[in-house]
Amino acid sequence: MILWPTNKWRKQKNPLATATPANKLSKPCWPFRTIFIVAIIHAVFYGNPDRYPPIINGTRILSIKKYLVTIFCRATNEDIRVDYPVEVTVDRVGQGRGNSWWEYFGFAAKVLRTKHRDADFFMGHDMHGFLIARLLAWIYRKPLIYHCHEYVDRSTGSQLNWGGRLVYFFQEYFARTADLVIVPDVDRAKLMTVEFKLPRTPLVVTNSRNGCRSVLGEKVHQAIEKKGKRFERVVIRQGSVGPSHAIETTLQSLPLWANKNWGFVILGPGQPDYIEELHWLASELGVAEQFVVLPAVSYDEVLEFTCGADAGHSFYSPIDANNRYSTTASNKLMEYMAAGIPILASDRPSLMSFVEENQYGWVADESYPEIIARVVNTLLADPVQMRQMGANGRRALLKRFAIESSLRLY
């Protein structure tokens, strides 16, 4: 994806010399170096990119293509580490995790005050980042990219507070002015084209790693053993933990699983009150010994945990456009493919087509514990089928869905 290339040598500040702690290396470096670059991108994200696979994977592929990227974002004081390429600088100009209007206004003011004359174009991540990037592109008269991963549709936007609605309506009106819109799912792209009256179809780039690597996958079993448990088979759900992920229904299905030594494991961040409710529900159902919640790990470690599981949990309740159109937008699904394990997914049309076409896992109505139990029992009882489906998924990822493959097709 070469956009508005400069194609010239530049004497550029070495990112290693001024990198944030997440980027610093132990070896010494010179303050300047001469490198060949395609373009300089200034990106804006109102959050912590360390928790955002679309940005992590996107910047990594851009660095391979010789783009220099600076991400202006917030520092949330989370104890996580992501190794960004040296071509990527993370500038944490804001503090805190809140979503008040004044926090956002303060963040926007800091980004706008920063000098951006070296930028060849701007990129806004999601609607809060897009508003600021749109203003920068106007000020500096440079091209604009809108990378919309968490899509807020018209029905959801009308339910936001007044500040959120203002940002949403700005997005709805000005998204069509972006030179390029990037989304992670075909159906989401179609909806966005209609709602925002986009002049051209967005570029679809899957929320995927750029390829796979072989790992042993022992970490998940070691972490389970530290909780005093051991499972013969593991169904894992990695990523953010929330009430729209059919976790409660899956817990209700556990008494119907064919083997009491099969376990359901959650790996990722979640609200403490919600996690406590899940443990309480598991105890009430008598399945506490089959349920484990593991703390969030760095995105660079996720694959090492996922490879040790036997199936990936990718159910979503259809509460909004993101959940309804999550096929290639879900990094969970893509991580399971990279790990070579089959998926258990919701039976919506796009997911059904995806699973059938790639012969990769099973779909089920996530509203019914009996149906979830049926597909779990069918899948986990057949090791040959599990291995074959996992291999199918990994092969499909490498051929069609890795970021490099998406951009090559484009």
Protein backbone atom coordinates (compact mmCIF):
# COMPACT_ATOMS: atom_id res chain seq x y z
CA MET A 1 0.00 0.00 0.00
CA ILE A 2 2.16 2.88 -1.28
CA LEU A 3 0.23 6.11 -0.84
CA TRP A 4 1.51 9.51 -1.95
CA PRO A 5 5.15 8.35 -1.95
CA THR A 6 8.00 10.78 -1.50
CA ASN A 7 10.60 8.22 -2.65
CA LYS A 8 13.67 10.12 -1.55
CA TRP A 9 16.44 9.87 0.97
CA ARG A 10 15.93 11.80 4.16
CA LYS A 11 18.14 12.54 7.11
CA GLN A 12 15.69 11.50 9.78
CA LYS A 13 15.95 11.47 13.54
CA ASN A 14 16.69 7.95 14.66
CA PRO A 15 13.51 6.68 16.40
CA LEU A 16 15.72 4.72 18.81
CA ALA A 17 17.22 7.93 20.12
CA THR A 18 13.92 9.50 21.18
CA ALA A 19 11.68 6.46 21.56
CA THR A 20 9.17 5.95 24.33
CA PRO A 21 10.02 3.22 26.90
CA ALA A 22 8.05 0.70 24.86
CA ASN A 23 10.39 1.28 21.92
CA LYS A 24 13.76 1.65 23.61
CA LEU A 25 16.50 -0.92 23.10
CA SER A 26 19.46 -1.55 25.36
CA LYS A 27 22.12 -0.93 22.68
CA PRO A 28 23.49 2.60 22.07
CA CYS A 29 22.47 4.48 18.92
CA TRP A 30 23.37 7.62 16.99
CA PRO A 31 20.91 10.53 17.16
CA PHE A 32 20.60 10.67 13.35
CA ARG A 33 20.67 8.16 10.53
CA THR A 34 20.05 8.30 6.80
CA ILE A 35 17.31 5.98 5.61
CA PHE A 36 15.15 5.55 2.54
CA ILE A 37 11.49 6.06 3.34
CA VAL A 38 8.29 6.09 1.37
CA ALA A 39 6.41 8.58 3.54
CA ILE A 40 5.96 9.90 7.07
CA ILE A 41 2.63 9.20 8.73
CA HIS A 42 1.27 10.98 11.79
CA ALA A 43 -1.53 8.90 13.31
CA VAL A 44 -3.93 9.84 16.11
CA PHE A 45 -5.59 7.41 18.52
CA TYR A 46 -7.57 8.40 21.61
CA GLY A 47 -6.51 5.40 23.65
CA ASN A 48 -3.60 3.05 24.27
CA PRO A 49 -2.39 1.38 21.04
CA ASP A 50 -0.66 -1.36 23.06
CA ARG A 51 -4.14 -2.85 23.57
CA TYR A 52 -5.19 -2.41 19.96
CA PRO A 53 -4.09 -5.16 17.53
CA PRO A 54 -5.25 -3.26 14.40
CA ILE A 55 -2.73 -0.50 15.17
CA ILE A 56 0.05 -2.85 16.28
CA ASN A 57 -0.22 -5.03 13.19
CA GLY A 58 -0.85 -2.08 10.88
CA THR A 59 2.24 -0.17 11.99
CA ARG A 60 4.37 -3.29 11.70
CA ILE A 61 3.44 -3.82 8.07
CA LEU A 62 3.88 -0.11 7.33
CA SER A 63 7.38 -0.25 8.79
CA ILE A 64 8.23 -3.16 6.49
CA LYS A 65 7.09 -1.00 3.57
CA LYS A 66 9.43 1.78 4.76
CA TYR A 67 6.90 4.19 6.24
CA LEU A 68 7.86 6.16 9.33
CA VAL A 69 4.91 6.28 11.72
CA THR A 70 4.32 8.43 14.80
CA ILE A 71 1.26 7.52 16.87
CA PHE A 72 -0.11 10.30 19.08
CA CYS A 73 -2.06 8.59 21.85
CA ARG A 74 -2.75 8.47 25.58
CA ALA A 75 -0.73 6.93 28.41
CA THR A 76 -3.02 4.71 30.49
CA ASN A 77 -0.34 3.50 32.96
CA GLU A 78 -1.02 -0.15 32.11
CA ASP A 79 1.74 -2.67 32.79
CA ILE A 80 2.06 -4.04 29.27
CA ARG A 81 4.81 -4.04 26.68
CA VAL A 82 4.64 -4.15 22.92
CA ASP A 83 7.77 -4.16 20.79
CA TYR A 84 7.15 -1.71 17.99
CA PRO A 85 9.55 -1.54 15.02
CA VAL A 86 12.20 1.18 15.16
CA GLU A 87 10.33 2.99 12.38
CA VAL A 88 7.40 3.51 14.76
CA THR A 89 7.35 6.12 17.51
CA VAL A 90 4.64 6.15 20.16
CA ASP A 91 4.10 9.67 21.52
CA ARG A 92 1.89 9.45 24.60
CA VAL A 93 0.75 13.05 24.83
CA GLY A 94 -2.31 12.43 27.01
CA GLN A 95 -2.91 10.79 30.39
CA GLY A 96 -5.73 8.73 31.89
CA ARG A 97 -8.43 6.31 30.79
CA GLY A 98 -11.50 8.47 31.22
CA ASN A 99 -13.84 9.52 28.44
CA SER A 100 -14.96 12.94 29.61
CA TRP A 101 -15.33 15.72 27.11
CA TRP A 102 -12.68 17.80 28.86
CA GLU A 103 -10.13 14.98 28.74
CA TYR A 104 -10.72 14.59 25.03
CA PHE A 105 -10.52 18.34 24.44
CA GLY A 106 -7.22 18.49 26.33
CA PHE A 107 -5.80 15.56 24.36
CA ALA A 108 -6.85 17.14 21.05
CA ALA A 109 -5.27 20.47 22.00
CA LYS A 110 -1.93 18.80 22.81
CA VAL A 111 -1.88 16.92 19.49
CA LEU A 112 -2.84 20.01 17.50
CA ARG A 113 -0.11 22.08 19.18
CA THR A 114 2.55 19.56 18.15
CA LYS A 115 4.50 20.38 14.99
CA HIS A 116 3.49 18.18 12.08
CA ARG A 117 5.27 19.82 9.14
CA ASP A 118 7.24 16.65 8.33
CA ALA A 119 4.09 14.56 7.93
CA ASP A 120 3.27 13.45 4.39
CA PHE A 121 -0.23 12.47 5.43
CA PHE A 122 -2.38 11.92 8.52
CA MET A 123 -4.26 8.92 9.80
CA GLY A 124 -7.12 8.91 12.31
CA HIS A 125 -7.92 5.71 14.22
CA ASP A 126 -11.63 5.42 15.01
CA MET A 127 -13.91 8.41 15.26
CA HIS A 128 -12.16 10.24 18.13
CA GLY A 129 -8.81 10.01 16.35
CA PHE A 130 -10.43 10.87 13.02
CA LEU A 131 -11.74 14.25 14.19
CA ILE A 132 -8.25 15.39 15.21
CA ALA A 133 -6.58 13.92 12.12
CA ARG A 134 -9.17 15.64 9.91
CA LEU A 135 -8.31 19.01 11.45
CA LEU A 136 -4.57 18.36 11.01
CA ALA A 137 -5.03 17.41 7.36
CA TRP A 138 -6.90 20.67 6.77
CA ILE A 139 -4.31 22.77 8.61
CA TYR A 140 -1.32 21.27 6.81
CA ARG A 141 -3.13 20.56 3.52
CA LYS A 142 -2.11 16.90 3.46
CA PRO A 143 -3.99 13.70 2.51
CA LEU A 144 -6.05 11.91 5.14
CA ILE A 145 -6.67 8.25 5.95
CA TYR A 146 -9.49 7.15 8.22
CA HIS A 147 -8.84 3.76 9.82
CA CYS A 148 -12.20 2.79 11.32
CA HIS A 149 -12.06 -0.38 13.37
CA GLU A 150 -14.59 0.16 16.16
CA TYR A 151 -17.46 1.38 14.02
CA VAL A 152 -20.20 3.38 15.75
CA ASP A 153 -23.29 3.09 13.54
CA ARG A 154 -26.20 5.51 13.40
CA SER A 155 -28.35 3.73 16.01
CA THR A 156 -25.48 3.50 18.50
CA GLY A 157 -24.28 7.06 17.86
CA SER A 158 -27.67 8.49 18.83
CA GLN A 159 -27.34 6.90 22.31
CA LEU A 160 -24.03 8.57 23.19
CA ASN A 161 -23.66 11.54 25.54
CA TRP A 162 -23.58 14.99 23.98
CA GLY A 163 -19.80 14.97 23.53
CA GLY A 164 -19.84 11.53 21.94
CA ARG A 165 -22.69 12.55 19.65
CA LEU A 166 -20.74 15.60 18.52
CA VAL A 167 -17.76 13.42 17.58
CA TYR A 168 -20.05 10.90 15.89
CA PHE A 169 -21.84 13.53 13.78
CA PHE A 170 -18.47 15.00 12.78
CA GLN A 171 -17.47 11.53 11.62
CA GLU A 172 -20.76 10.96 9.80
CA TYR A 173 -20.46 14.20 7.86
CA PHE A 174 -16.71 14.34 7.18
CA ALA A 175 -15.76 10.65 6.73
CA ARG A 176 -16.50 11.12 3.02
CA THR A 177 -13.73 13.74 2.83
CA ALA A 178 -11.02 11.20 3.69
CA ASP A 179 -8.77 10.23 0.79
CA LEU A 180 -8.88 6.61 1.93
CA VAL A 181 -11.09 4.77 4.43
CA ILE A 182 -9.87 1.46 5.87
CA VAL A 183 -12.17 -1.01 7.62
CA PRO A 184 -11.57 -4.62 8.75
CA ASP A 185 -14.71 -6.36 7.42
CA VAL A 186 -16.54 -6.44 4.07
CA ASP A 187 -20.06 -6.16 5.54
CA ARG A 188 -19.00 -3.35 7.82
CA ALA A 189 -17.56 -1.55 4.79
CA LYS A 190 -20.88 -1.85 2.95
CA LEU A 191 -22.83 -0.45 5.92
CA MET A 192 -20.39 2.41 6.38
CA THR A 193 -20.52 3.29 2.67
CA VAL A 194 -24.30 3.68 2.84
CA GLU A 195 -24.57 5.45 6.22
CA PHE A 196 -21.74 7.94 5.54
CA LYS A 197 -22.39 8.28 1.79
CA LEU A 198 -18.78 7.50 0.98
CA PRO A 199 -17.76 8.30 -2.60
CA ARG A 200 -15.78 5.06 -2.88
CA THR A 201 -15.79 1.65 -1.21
CA PRO A 202 -13.42 1.42 1.79
CA LEU A 203 -10.30 -0.69 1.61
CA VAL A 204 -10.83 -3.87 3.68
CA VAL A 205 -7.75 -4.90 5.67
CA THR A 206 -8.30 -7.82 8.01
CA ASN A 207 -7.49 -7.50 11.72
CA SER A 208 -4.73 -10.06 11.43
CA ARG A 209 -1.11 -10.72 12.10
CA ASN A 210 1.27 -10.65 9.19
CA GLY A 211 1.78 -14.42 9.02
CA CYS A 212 2.29 -17.12 11.64
CA ARG A 213 5.14 -18.43 13.72
CA SER A 214 5.46 -21.77 15.47
CA VAL A 215 5.40 -21.73 19.28
CA LEU A 216 5.01 -24.50 21.83
CA GLY A 217 1.90 -23.16 23.53
CA GLU A 218 2.88 -24.30 27.01
CA LYS A 219 2.15 -20.98 28.69
CA VAL A 220 -1.60 -21.45 28.92
CA HIS A 221 -1.27 -24.82 30.66
CA GLN A 222 1.37 -23.44 33.02
CA ALA A 223 -0.93 -20.53 33.89
CA ILE A 224 -3.86 -22.93 34.46
CA GLU A 225 -1.74 -25.10 36.76
CA LYS A 226 -0.84 -22.01 38.81
CA LYS A 227 -4.59 -21.72 39.43
CA GLY A 228 -4.51 -25.27 40.83
CA LYS A 229 -6.28 -26.86 37.85
CA ARG A 230 -5.45 -29.05 34.87
CA PHE A 231 -7.50 -29.65 31.72
CA GLU A 232 -7.33 -32.35 29.04
CA ARG A 233 -8.88 -29.99 26.49
CA VAL A 234 -9.04 -26.19 26.55
CA VAL A 235 -11.54 -23.86 24.91
CA ILE A 236 -10.00 -20.39 25.09
CA ARG A 237 -11.41 -16.90 24.62
CA GLN A 238 -8.73 -14.24 24.39
CA GLY A 239 -9.18 -10.49 24.25
CA SER A 240 -11.39 -8.03 26.11
CA VAL A 241 -13.97 -9.67 28.36
CA GLY A 242 -17.49 -8.26 28.26
CA PRO A 243 -21.19 -9.14 28.61
CA SER A 244 -21.82 -9.29 24.84
CA HIS A 245 -19.46 -12.23 24.26
CA ALA A 246 -21.81 -15.10 25.22
CA ILE A 247 -19.57 -16.00 28.16
CA GLU A 248 -22.51 -16.51 30.52
CA THR A 249 -24.24 -18.81 28.02
CA THR A 250 -21.03 -20.77 27.58
CA LEU A 251 -20.74 -21.21 31.35
CA GLN A 252 -24.33 -22.50 31.36
CA SER A 253 -23.30 -25.03 28.71
CA LEU A 254 -20.44 -26.48 30.80
CA PRO A 255 -22.62 -28.99 32.74
CA LEU A 256 -23.51 -30.49 29.34
CA TRP A 257 -19.92 -30.92 28.14
CA ALA A 258 -19.06 -34.58 27.59
CA ASN A 259 -15.91 -34.53 29.73
CA LYS A 260 -15.52 -32.79 33.08
CA ASN A 261 -11.79 -32.46 32.41
CA TRP A 262 -12.43 -30.08 29.55
CA GLY A 263 -12.03 -26.45 30.59
CA PHE A 264 -13.17 -22.99 29.50
CA VAL A 265 -10.40 -20.38 29.82
CA ILE A 266 -10.65 -16.61 29.42
CA LEU A 267 -7.51 -14.58 28.75
CA GLY A 268 -7.79 -10.81 28.70
CA PRO A 269 -8.77 -7.58 30.45
CA GLY A 270 -12.19 -7.08 31.98
CA GLN A 271 -13.95 -5.07 34.65
CA PRO A 272 -13.29 -6.65 38.10
CA ASP A 273 -17.00 -6.59 39.00
CA TYR A 274 -17.89 -8.47 35.82
CA ILE A 275 -15.15 -11.06 36.35
CA GLU A 276 -16.44 -11.59 39.89
CA GLU A 277 -19.96 -12.14 38.52
CA LEU A 278 -18.63 -14.79 36.14
CA HIS A 279 -16.92 -16.65 38.99
CA TRP A 280 -20.12 -16.46 41.02
CA LEU A 281 -22.16 -17.86 38.12
CA ALA A 282 -19.66 -20.71 37.62
CA SER A 283 -19.95 -21.60 41.31
CA GLU A 284 -23.75 -21.51 41.20
CA LEU A 285 -23.73 -23.83 38.19
CA GLY A 286 -21.27 -26.22 39.86
CA VAL A 287 -18.64 -25.75 37.12
CA ALA A 288 -16.08 -23.63 38.95
CA GLU A 289 -13.45 -26.36 38.47
CA GLN A 290 -13.87 -26.12 34.70
CA PHE A 291 -13.51 -22.35 34.49
CA VAL A 292 -10.37 -20.20 34.67
CA VAL A 293 -9.83 -16.47 34.12
CA LEU A 294 -6.25 -15.51 33.28
CA PRO A 295 -4.98 -11.92 33.45
CA ALA A 296 -4.31 -9.96 30.29
CA VAL A 297 -0.90 -10.34 28.67
CA SER A 298 0.96 -8.29 26.09
CA TYR A 299 -0.25 -8.74 22.52
CA ASP A 300 3.19 -10.17 21.70
CA GLU A 301 2.47 -13.04 24.13
CA VAL A 302 -1.10 -13.81 23.05
CA LEU A 303 -0.10 -16.33 20.38
CA GLU A 304 2.06 -18.25 22.87
CA PHE A 305 -1.00 -18.78 25.07
CA THR A 306 -3.49 -19.42 22.25
CA CYS A 307 -1.37 -22.16 20.62
CA GLY A 308 -1.80 -24.30 23.73
CA ALA A 309 -5.60 -24.40 23.46
CA ASP A 310 -7.70 -26.87 21.47
CA ALA A 311 -10.45 -24.54 20.23
CA GLY A 312 -11.08 -20.79 20.10
CA HIS A 313 -14.26 -19.19 21.47
CA SER A 314 -15.45 -16.42 19.11
CA PHE A 315 -19.14 -15.92 19.96
CA TYR A 316 -20.65 -12.42 19.82
CA SER A 317 -24.14 -11.29 20.77
CA PRO A 318 -25.51 -9.09 17.93
CA ILE A 319 -25.95 -5.93 20.02
CA ASP A 320 -24.33 -3.53 17.52
CA ALA A 321 -22.72 -3.32 14.09
CA ASN A 322 -19.30 -4.34 15.40
CA ASN A 323 -20.66 -7.60 16.80
CA ARG A 324 -22.95 -8.27 13.85
CA TYR A 325 -20.17 -7.77 11.31
CA SER A 326 -17.15 -9.22 13.07
CA THR A 327 -15.88 -11.88 10.67
CA THR A 328 -12.46 -10.54 9.63
CA ALA A 329 -12.65 -7.66 12.13
CA SER A 330 -12.25 -10.00 15.10
CA ASN A 331 -8.62 -10.38 16.05
CA LYS A 332 -9.72 -13.35 18.17
CA LEU A 333 -10.72 -15.28 15.11
CA MET A 334 -7.52 -14.33 13.31
CA GLU A 335 -5.38 -15.23 16.33
CA TYR A 336 -7.00 -18.67 16.44
CA MET A 337 -6.16 -19.13 12.76
CA ALA A 338 -2.55 -18.11 13.38
CA ALA A 339 -2.39 -20.55 16.30
CA GLY A 340 -3.78 -23.38 14.18
CA ILE A 341 -6.80 -24.13 16.37
CA PRO A 342 -10.43 -24.42 15.14
CA ILE A 343 -13.06 -21.86 16.10
CA LEU A 344 -16.50 -21.88 17.68
CA ALA A 345 -18.34 -18.90 16.19
CA SER A 346 -21.81 -17.35 16.02
CA ASP A 347 -24.09 -18.58 13.24
CA ARG A 348 -24.49 -15.30 11.37
CA PRO A 349 -24.41 -15.44 7.57
CA SER A 350 -20.95 -13.99 7.05
CA LEU A 351 -19.37 -16.18 9.73
CA MET A 352 -21.17 -19.27 8.43
CA SER A 353 -19.83 -18.61 4.94
CA PHE A 354 -16.35 -17.98 6.31
CA VAL A 355 -16.27 -21.22 8.31
CA GLU A 356 -17.78 -23.29 5.52
CA GLU A 357 -15.51 -21.88 2.82
CA ASN A 358 -12.35 -22.48 4.85
CA GLN A 359 -13.58 -25.69 6.56
CA TYR A 360 -12.49 -24.18 9.81
CA GLY A 361 -14.51 -24.92 12.97
CA TRP A 362 -18.19 -24.87 13.87
CA VAL A 363 -20.91 -22.25 14.17
CA ALA A 364 -23.75 -22.18 16.68
CA ASP A 365 -26.50 -19.95 18.02
CA GLU A 366 -24.74 -18.36 21.00
CA SER A 367 -28.09 -17.82 22.77
CA TYR A 368 -28.59 -21.49 23.71
CA PRO A 369 -26.30 -23.43 26.09
CA GLU A 370 -27.48 -26.76 24.68
CA ILE A 371 -26.36 -25.84 21.16
CA ILE A 372 -22.98 -24.56 22.37
CA ALA A 373 -22.45 -27.80 24.31
CA ARG A 374 -23.35 -29.84 21.24
CA VAL A 375 -20.72 -28.22 19.01
CA VAL A 376 -18.09 -28.31 21.77
CA ASN A 377 -18.68 -32.04 22.28
CA THR A 378 -18.59 -32.70 18.54
CA LEU A 379 -15.35 -30.82 18.05
CA LEU A 380 -13.33 -31.77 21.14
CA ALA A 381 -14.18 -35.48 20.89
CA ASP A 382 -12.48 -35.76 17.50
CA PRO A 383 -8.73 -34.90 17.66
CA VAL A 384 -8.22 -35.67 13.97
CA GLN A 385 -10.94 -33.22 13.00
CA MET A 386 -9.51 -30.58 15.34
CA ARG A 387 -6.03 -30.82 13.83
CA GLN A 388 -7.36 -30.74 10.27
CA MET A 389 -9.58 -27.73 10.89
CA GLY A 390 -6.76 -25.92 12.67
CA ALA A 391 -4.42 -26.57 9.73
CA ASN A 392 -7.10 -25.32 7.32
CA GLY A 393 -7.37 -22.09 9.27
CA ARG A 394 -3.65 -21.44 9.37
CA ARG A 395 -3.33 -22.13 5.65
CA ALA A 396 -6.21 -19.75 4.86
CA LEU A 397 -4.64 -17.03 7.03
CA LEU A 398 -1.32 -17.22 5.22
CA LYS A 399 -2.93 -17.32 1.78
CA ARG A 400 -5.74 -14.79 2.11
CA PHE A 401 -6.11 -13.00 5.44
CA ALA A 402 -2.66 -11.96 6.70
CA ILE A 403 -2.14 -8.19 6.35
CA GLU A 404 0.49 -8.67 3.66
CA SER A 405 -1.93 -10.83 1.67
CA SER A 406 -4.73 -8.25 2.01
CA LEU A 407 -2.54 -5.44 0.72
CA ARG A 408 -1.13 -7.56 -2.10
CA LEU A 409 -4.66 -8.37 -3.25
CA TYR A 410 -5.51 -4.67 -3.06
